[in-house]
PDB file of N, CA and C in Angstrom:
ATOM      1  N   UNK A   1      -2.430 -12.025  41.354  1.00  0.00           N
ATOM      2  CA  UNK A   1      -2.459 -10.753  40.666  1.00  0.00           C
ATOM      3  C   UNK A   1      -1.241 -10.654  39.748  1.00  0.00           C
ATOM      4  N   UNK A   2      -1.455 -10.136  38.555  1.00  0.00           N
ATOM      5  CA  UNK A   2      -0.380  -9.987  37.580  1.00  0.00           C
ATOM      6  C   UNK A   2       0.228  -8.599  37.727  1.00  0.00           C
ATOM      7  N   UNK A   3       1.550  -8.530  37.837  1.00  0.00           N
ATOM      8  CA  UNK A   3       2.260  -7.255  37.913  1.00  0.00           C
ATOM      9  C   UNK A   3       2.794  -6.904  36.530  1.00  0.00           C
ATOM     10  N   UNK A   4       2.744  -5.634  36.187  1.00  0.00           N
ATOM     11  CA  UNK A   4       3.282  -5.149  34.925  1.00  0.00           C
ATOM     12  C   UNK A   4       4.451  -4.236  35.240  1.00  0.00           C
ATOM     13  N   UNK A   5       5.587  -4.484  34.548  1.00  0.00           N
ATOM     14  CA  UNK A   5       6.772  -3.664  34.779  1.00  0.00           C
ATOM     15  C   UNK A   5       7.491  -3.417  33.462  1.00  0.00           C
ATOM     16  N   UNK A   6       8.218  -2.344  33.413  1.00  0.00           N
ATOM     17  CA  UNK A   6       9.023  -2.024  32.239  1.00  0.00           C
ATOM     18  C   UNK A   6      10.255  -2.916  32.247  1.00  0.00           C
ATOM     19  N   UNK A   7      10.628  -3.386  31.050  1.00  0.00           N
ATOM     20  CA  UNK A   7      11.777  -4.272  30.950  1.00  0.00           C
ATOM     21  C   UNK A   7      12.476  -4.043  29.621  1.00  0.00           C
ATOM     22  N   UNK A   8      13.771  -4.181  29.605  1.00  0.00           N
ATOM     23  CA  UNK A   8      14.538  -4.092  28.364  1.00  0.00           C
ATOM     24  C   UNK A   8      14.111  -5.246  27.449  1.00  0.00           C
ATOM     25  N   UNK A   9      13.946  -4.944  26.156  1.00  0.00           N
ATOM     26  CA  UNK A   9      13.544  -5.969  25.194  1.00  0.00           C
ATOM     27  C   UNK A   9      14.780  -6.757  24.762  1.00  0.00           C
ATOM     28  N   UNK A  10      15.117  -7.775  25.528  1.00  0.00           N
ATOM     29  CA  UNK A  10      16.281  -8.615  25.238  1.00  0.00           C
ATOM     30  C   UNK A  10      15.952  -9.580  24.103  1.00  0.00           C
ATOM     31  N   UNK A  11      16.984 -10.210  23.566  1.00  0.00           N
ATOM     32  CA  UNK A  11      16.770 -11.217  22.530  1.00  0.00           C
ATOM     33  C   UNK A  11      15.890 -12.350  23.047  1.00  0.00           C
ATOM     34  N   UNK A  12      16.103 -12.750  24.286  1.00  0.00           N
ATOM     35  CA  UNK A  12      15.324 -13.855  24.871  1.00  0.00           C
ATOM     36  C   UNK A  12      13.859 -13.473  25.020  1.00  0.00           C
ATOM     37  N   UNK A  13      13.588 -12.252  25.484  1.00  0.00           N
ATOM     38  CA  UNK A  13      12.204 -11.800  25.646  1.00  0.00           C
ATOM     39  C   UNK A  13      11.524 -11.653  24.292  1.00  0.00           C
ATOM     40  N   UNK A  14      12.244 -11.085  23.319  1.00  0.00           N
ATOM     41  CA  UNK A  14      11.700 -10.930  21.972  1.00  0.00           C
ATOM     42  C   UNK A  14      11.342 -12.294  21.388  1.00  0.00           C
ATOM     43  N   UNK A  15      12.206 -13.285  21.600  1.00  0.00           N
ATOM     44  CA  UNK A  15      11.946 -14.631  21.100  1.00  0.00           C
ATOM     45  C   UNK A  15      10.705 -15.224  21.768  1.00  0.00           C
ATOM     46  N   UNK A  16      10.578 -15.042  23.070  1.00  0.00           N
ATOM     47  CA  UNK A  16       9.422 -15.567  23.806  1.00  0.00           C
ATOM     48  C   UNK A  16       8.116 -14.949  23.288  1.00  0.00           C
ATOM     49  N   UNK A  17       8.128 -13.639  23.066  1.00  0.00           N
ATOM     50  CA  UNK A  17       6.937 -12.946  22.562  1.00  0.00           C
ATOM     51  C   UNK A  17       6.602 -13.426  21.156  1.00  0.00           C
ATOM     52  N   UNK A  18       7.606 -13.491  20.267  1.00  0.00           N
ATOM     53  CA  UNK A  18       7.377 -13.925  18.891  1.00  0.00           C
ATOM     54  C   UNK A  18       6.839 -15.352  18.857  1.00  0.00           C
ATOM     55  N   UNK A  19       7.417 -16.241  19.653  1.00  0.00           N
ATOM     56  CA  UNK A  19       6.943 -17.628  19.680  1.00  0.00           C
ATOM     57  C   UNK A  19       5.497 -17.692  20.173  1.00  0.00           C
ATOM     58  N   UNK A  20       5.140 -16.857  21.134  1.00  0.00           N
ATOM     59  CA  UNK A  20       3.763 -16.807  21.605  1.00  0.00           C
ATOM     60  C   UNK A  20       2.803 -16.359  20.519  1.00  0.00           C
ATOM     61  N   UNK A  21       3.166 -15.282  19.794  1.00  0.00           N
ATOM     62  CA  UNK A  21       2.344 -14.819  18.671  1.00  0.00           C
ATOM     63  C   UNK A  21       2.222 -15.893  17.603  1.00  0.00           C
ATOM     64  N   UNK A  22       3.327 -16.525  17.290  1.00  0.00           N
ATOM     65  CA  UNK A  22       3.345 -17.560  16.258  1.00  0.00           C
ATOM     66  C   UNK A  22       2.439 -18.723  16.638  1.00  0.00           C
ATOM     67  N   UNK A  23       2.533 -19.182  17.866  1.00  0.00           N
ATOM     68  CA  UNK A  23       1.692 -20.288  18.344  1.00  0.00           C
ATOM     69  C   UNK A  23       0.209 -19.909  18.234  1.00  0.00           C
ATOM     70  N   UNK A  24      -0.124 -18.700  18.658  1.00  0.00           N
ATOM     71  CA  UNK A  24      -1.511 -18.238  18.594  1.00  0.00           C
ATOM     72  C   UNK A  24      -1.988 -18.152  17.139  1.00  0.00           C
ATOM     73  N   UNK A  25      -1.129 -17.628  16.248  1.00  0.00           N
ATOM     74  CA  UNK A  25      -1.500 -17.499  14.841  1.00  0.00           C
ATOM     75  C   UNK A  25      -1.803 -18.856  14.229  1.00  0.00           C
ATOM     76  N   UNK A  26      -0.983 -19.837  14.526  1.00  0.00           N
ATOM     77  CA  UNK A  26      -1.202 -21.180  13.982  1.00  0.00           C
ATOM     78  C   UNK A  26      -2.504 -21.758  14.515  1.00  0.00           C
ATOM     79  N   UNK A  27      -2.786 -21.561  15.804  1.00  0.00           N
ATOM     80  CA  UNK A  27      -4.051 -22.042  16.370  1.00  0.00           C
ATOM     81  C   UNK A  27      -5.251 -21.380  15.703  1.00  0.00           C
ATOM     82  N   UNK A  28      -5.156 -20.077  15.430  1.00  0.00           N
ATOM     83  CA  UNK A  28      -6.289 -19.320  14.908  1.00  0.00           C
ATOM     84  C   UNK A  28      -6.461 -19.454  13.397  1.00  0.00           C
ATOM     85  N   UNK A  29      -5.348 -19.516  12.654  1.00  0.00           N
ATOM     86  CA  UNK A  29      -5.439 -19.470  11.195  1.00  0.00           C
ATOM     87  C   UNK A  29      -4.961 -20.742  10.513  1.00  0.00           C
ATOM     88  N   UNK A  30      -4.263 -21.587  11.231  1.00  0.00           N
ATOM     89  CA  UNK A  30      -3.745 -22.812  10.637  1.00  0.00           C
ATOM     90  C   UNK A  30      -2.384 -22.649   9.989  1.00  0.00           C
ATOM     91  N   UNK A  31      -1.842 -21.428   9.970  1.00  0.00           N
ATOM     92  CA  UNK A  31      -0.516 -21.230   9.384  1.00  0.00           C
ATOM     93  C   UNK A  31       0.158 -20.030  10.024  1.00  0.00           C
ATOM     94  N   UNK A  32       1.442 -19.915   9.789  1.00  0.00           N
ATOM     95  CA  UNK A  32       2.250 -18.849  10.363  1.00  0.00           C
ATOM     96  C   UNK A  32       3.025 -18.208   9.224  1.00  0.00           C
ATOM     97  N   UNK A  33       2.473 -17.158   8.650  1.00  0.00           N
ATOM     98  CA  UNK A  33       3.138 -16.525   7.517  1.00  0.00           C
ATOM     99  C   UNK A  33       3.532 -15.100   7.862  1.00  0.00           C
ATOM    100  N   UNK A  34       4.610 -14.651   7.255  1.00  0.00           N
ATOM    101  CA  UNK A  34       5.110 -13.304   7.471  1.00  0.00           C
ATOM    102  C   UNK A  34       5.612 -12.780   6.129  1.00  0.00           C
ATOM    103  N   UNK A  35       5.343 -11.513   5.859  1.00  0.00           N
ATOM    104  CA  UNK A  35       5.734 -10.905   4.594  1.00  0.00           C
ATOM    105  C   UNK A  35       6.750  -9.795   4.839  1.00  0.00           C
ATOM    106  N   UNK A  36       7.479  -9.411   3.812  1.00  0.00           N
ATOM    107  CA  UNK A  36       8.442  -8.316   3.926  1.00  0.00           C
ATOM    108  C   UNK A  36       7.733  -7.011   4.254  1.00  0.00           C
ATOM    109  N   UNK A  37       8.448  -6.111   4.897  1.00  0.00           N
ATOM    110  CA  UNK A  37       7.909  -4.793   5.216  1.00  0.00           C
ATOM    111  C   UNK A  37       7.652  -4.011   3.933  1.00  0.00           C
ATOM    112  N   UNK A  38       6.669  -3.104   4.001  1.00  0.00           N
ATOM    113  CA  UNK A  38       6.299  -2.244   2.881  1.00  0.00           C
ATOM    114  C   UNK A  38       6.182  -0.819   3.406  1.00  0.00           C
ATOM    115  N   UNK A  39       6.575   0.161   2.602  1.00  0.00           N
ATOM    116  CA  UNK A  39       6.442   1.566   2.990  1.00  0.00           C
ATOM    117  C   UNK A  39       5.380   2.241   2.130  1.00  0.00           C
ATOM    118  N   UNK A  40       4.525   3.020   2.769  1.00  0.00           N
ATOM    119  CA  UNK A  40       3.591   3.899   2.084  1.00  0.00           C
ATOM    120  C   UNK A  40       4.150   5.303   2.285  1.00  0.00           C
ATOM    121  N   UNK A  41       4.480   5.968   1.182  1.00  0.00           N
ATOM    122  CA  UNK A  41       5.216   7.225   1.230  1.00  0.00           C
ATOM    123  C   UNK A  41       4.284   8.384   0.873  1.00  0.00           C
ATOM    124  N   UNK A  42       4.352   9.458   1.661  1.00  0.00           N
ATOM    125  CA  UNK A  42       3.589  10.680   1.393  1.00  0.00           C
ATOM    126  C   UNK A  42       4.497  11.664   0.673  1.00  0.00           C
ATOM    127  N   UNK A  43       4.038  12.141  -0.462  1.00  0.00           N
ATOM    128  CA  UNK A  43       4.820  13.080  -1.267  1.00  0.00           C
ATOM    129  C   UNK A  43       3.961  14.296  -1.604  1.00  0.00           C
ATOM    130  N   UNK A  44       4.582  15.451  -1.627  1.00  0.00           N
ATOM    131  CA  UNK A  44       3.949  16.651  -2.162  1.00  0.00           C
ATOM    132  C   UNK A  44       4.771  17.038  -3.374  1.00  0.00           C
ATOM    133  N   UNK A  45       4.296  16.651  -4.535  1.00  0.00           N
ATOM    134  CA  UNK A  45       5.092  16.809  -5.753  1.00  0.00           C
ATOM    135  C   UNK A  45       6.308  15.914  -5.655  1.00  0.00           C
ATOM    136  N   UNK A  46       7.486  16.508  -5.693  1.00  0.00           N
ATOM    137  CA  UNK A  46       8.738  15.760  -5.579  1.00  0.00           C
ATOM    138  C   UNK A  46       9.301  15.780  -4.153  1.00  0.00           C
ATOM    139  N   UNK A  47       8.559  16.393  -3.215  1.00  0.00           N
ATOM    140  CA  UNK A  47       9.043  16.558  -1.841  1.00  0.00           C
ATOM    141  C   UNK A  47       8.523  15.434  -0.956  1.00  0.00           C
ATOM    142  N   UNK A  48       9.437  14.768  -0.276  1.00  0.00           N
ATOM    143  CA  UNK A  48       9.102  13.699   0.669  1.00  0.00           C
ATOM    144  C   UNK A  48       8.482  14.318   1.920  1.00  0.00           C
ATOM    145  N   UNK A  49       7.253  13.937   2.232  1.00  0.00           N
ATOM    146  CA  UNK A  49       6.550  14.485   3.402  1.00  0.00           C
ATOM    147  C   UNK A  49       6.575  13.516   4.579  1.00  0.00           C
ATOM    148  N   UNK A  50       6.659  12.220   4.293  1.00  0.00           N
ATOM    149  CA  UNK A  50       6.687  11.242   5.375  1.00  0.00           C
ATOM    150  C   UNK A  50       6.397   9.849   4.856  1.00  0.00           C
ATOM    151  N   UNK A  51       6.309   8.925   5.797  1.00  0.00           N
ATOM    152  CA  UNK A  51       6.056   7.539   5.408  1.00  0.00           C
ATOM    153  C   UNK A  51       5.577   6.739   6.605  1.00  0.00           C
ATOM    154  N   UNK A  52       4.898   5.667   6.302  1.00  0.00           N
ATOM    155  CA  UNK A  52       4.556   4.676   7.308  1.00  0.00           C
ATOM    156  C   UNK A  52       5.089   3.342   6.788  1.00  0.00           C
ATOM    157  N   UNK A  53       5.786   2.621   7.645  1.00  0.00           N
ATOM    158  CA  UNK A  53       6.332   1.310   7.284  1.00  0.00           C
ATOM    159  C   UNK A  53       5.494   0.271   8.009  1.00  0.00           C
ATOM    160  N   UNK A  54       4.974  -0.687   7.242  1.00  0.00           N
ATOM    161  CA  UNK A  54       4.102  -1.716   7.811  1.00  0.00           C
ATOM    162  C   UNK A  54       4.626  -3.097   7.472  1.00  0.00           C
ATOM    163  N   UNK A  55       4.177  -4.048   8.241  1.00  0.00           N
ATOM    164  CA  UNK A  55       4.517  -5.446   8.015  1.00  0.00           C
ATOM    165  C   UNK A  55       3.221  -6.237   8.153  1.00  0.00           C
ATOM    166  N   UNK A  56       2.963  -7.130   7.221  1.00  0.00           N
ATOM    167  CA  UNK A  56       1.746  -7.937   7.271  1.00  0.00           C
ATOM    168  C   UNK A  56       2.125  -9.344   7.708  1.00  0.00           C
ATOM    169  N   UNK A  57       1.495  -9.778   8.769  1.00  0.00           N
ATOM    170  CA  UNK A  57       1.686 -11.147   9.218  1.00  0.00           C
ATOM    171  C   UNK A  57       0.514 -11.558  10.083  1.00  0.00           C
ATOM    172  N   UNK A  58       0.265 -12.842  10.133  1.00  0.00           N
ATOM    173  CA  UNK A  58      -0.805 -13.427  10.941  1.00  0.00           C
ATOM    174  C   UNK A  58      -2.148 -12.762  10.672  1.00  0.00           C
ATOM    175  N   UNK A  59      -2.416 -12.466   9.400  1.00  0.00           N
ATOM    176  CA  UNK A  59      -3.673 -11.834   8.984  1.00  0.00           C
ATOM    177  C   UNK A  59      -3.905 -10.503   9.680  1.00  0.00           C
ATOM    178  N   UNK A  60      -2.830  -9.777   9.965  1.00  0.00           N
ATOM    179  CA  UNK A  60      -2.921  -8.469  10.595  1.00  0.00           C
ATOM    180  C   UNK A  60      -1.896  -7.539   9.971  1.00  0.00           C
ATOM    181  N   UNK A  61      -2.106  -6.257  10.128  1.00  0.00           N
ATOM    182  CA  UNK A  61      -1.169  -5.268   9.635  1.00  0.00           C
ATOM    183  C   UNK A  61      -0.498  -4.624  10.848  1.00  0.00           C
ATOM    184  N   UNK A  62       0.810  -4.721  10.907  1.00  0.00           N
ATOM    185  CA  UNK A  62       1.582  -4.198  12.028  1.00  0.00           C
ATOM    186  C   UNK A  62       2.295  -2.930  11.578  1.00  0.00           C
ATOM    187  N   UNK A  63       2.005  -1.803  12.228  1.00  0.00           N
ATOM    188  CA  UNK A  63       2.688  -0.554  11.909  1.00  0.00           C
ATOM    189  C   UNK A  63       4.019  -0.550  12.652  1.00  0.00           C
ATOM    190  N   UNK A  64       5.099  -0.509  11.881  1.00  0.00           N
ATOM    191  CA  UNK A  64       6.430  -0.522  12.481  1.00  0.00           C
ATOM    192  C   UNK A  64       6.927   0.884  12.767  1.00  0.00           C
ATOM    193  N   UNK A  65       6.788   1.783  11.786  1.00  0.00           N
ATOM    194  CA  UNK A  65       7.311   3.139  11.922  1.00  0.00           C
ATOM    195  C   UNK A  65       6.371   4.122  11.241  1.00  0.00           C
ATOM    196  N   UNK A  66       6.259   5.301  11.829  1.00  0.00           N
ATOM    197  CA  UNK A  66       5.568   6.424  11.194  1.00  0.00           C
ATOM    198  C   UNK A  66       6.522   7.610  11.278  1.00  0.00           C
ATOM    199  N   UNK A  67       6.779   8.225  10.147  1.00  0.00           N
ATOM    200  CA  UNK A  67       7.667   9.393  10.125  1.00  0.00           C
ATOM    201  C   UNK A  67       7.016  10.497   9.304  1.00  0.00           C
ATOM    202  N   UNK A  68       7.048  11.712   9.847  1.00  0.00           N
ATOM    203  CA  UNK A  68       6.573  12.891   9.127  1.00  0.00           C
ATOM    204  C   UNK A  68       7.696  13.927   9.178  1.00  0.00           C
ATOM    205  N   UNK A  69       8.072  14.456   8.012  1.00  0.00           N
ATOM    206  CA  UNK A  69       9.109  15.479   7.937  1.00  0.00           C
ATOM    207  C   UNK A  69       8.687  16.713   8.740  1.00  0.00           C
ATOM    208  N   UNK A  70       9.685  17.418   9.268  1.00  0.00           N
ATOM    209  CA  UNK A  70       9.431  18.580  10.128  1.00  0.00           C
ATOM    210  C   UNK A  70       8.392  19.538   9.544  1.00  0.00           C
ATOM    211  N   UNK A  71       8.528  19.892   8.293  1.00  0.00           N
ATOM    212  CA  UNK A  71       7.652  20.874   7.645  1.00  0.00           C
ATOM    213  C   UNK A  71       6.181  20.441   7.634  1.00  0.00           C
ATOM    214  N   UNK A  72       5.920  19.145   7.680  1.00  0.00           N
ATOM    215  CA  UNK A  72       4.555  18.620   7.559  1.00  0.00           C
ATOM    216  C   UNK A  72       3.938  18.201   8.899  1.00  0.00           C
ATOM    217  N   UNK A  73       4.674  18.353   9.985  1.00  0.00           N
ATOM    218  CA  UNK A  73       4.163  17.959  11.295  1.00  0.00           C
ATOM    219  C   UNK A  73       3.044  18.902  11.758  1.00  0.00           C
ATOM    220  N   UNK A  74       2.196  18.369  12.634  1.00  0.00           N
ATOM    221  CA  UNK A  74       1.078  19.116  13.223  1.00  0.00           C
ATOM    222  C   UNK A  74       0.057  19.566  12.190  1.00  0.00           C
ATOM    223  N   UNK A  75      -0.050  18.796  11.090  1.00  0.00           N
ATOM    224  CA  UNK A  75      -1.023  19.111  10.049  1.00  0.00           C
ATOM    225  C   UNK A  75      -1.973  17.919   9.804  1.00  0.00           C
ATOM    226  N   UNK A  76      -1.882  16.904  10.658  1.00  0.00           N
ATOM    227  CA  UNK A  76      -2.776  15.754  10.519  1.00  0.00           C
ATOM    228  C   UNK A  76      -2.295  14.689   9.555  1.00  0.00           C
ATOM    229  N   UNK A  77      -1.101  14.825   9.037  1.00  0.00           N
ATOM    230  CA  UNK A  77      -0.590  13.849   8.070  1.00  0.00           C
ATOM    231  C   UNK A  77      -0.310  12.496   8.719  1.00  0.00           C
ATOM    232  N   UNK A  78       0.258  12.523   9.910  1.00  0.00           N
ATOM    233  CA  UNK A  78       0.615  11.277  10.602  1.00  0.00           C
ATOM    234  C   UNK A  78      -0.610  10.514  10.999  1.00  0.00           C
TER     235      UNK A  78
END
């Protein structure tokens, strides 16, 4: 039986997870590519309402951060 527990994300654990993803990506796609992060920004006129920061790698889109300014929260923007 596999046990699941909360653990601090150490450098060693992060490396193990990344190497696992990388190995799987190469098996599935034949390559291991990663692109710089990109932000999609929500604006109301000149007012910053929020943003989502994404990273594209291994033929997938990874959402890194979602932020909505206080004034725009609870309105379905996020």
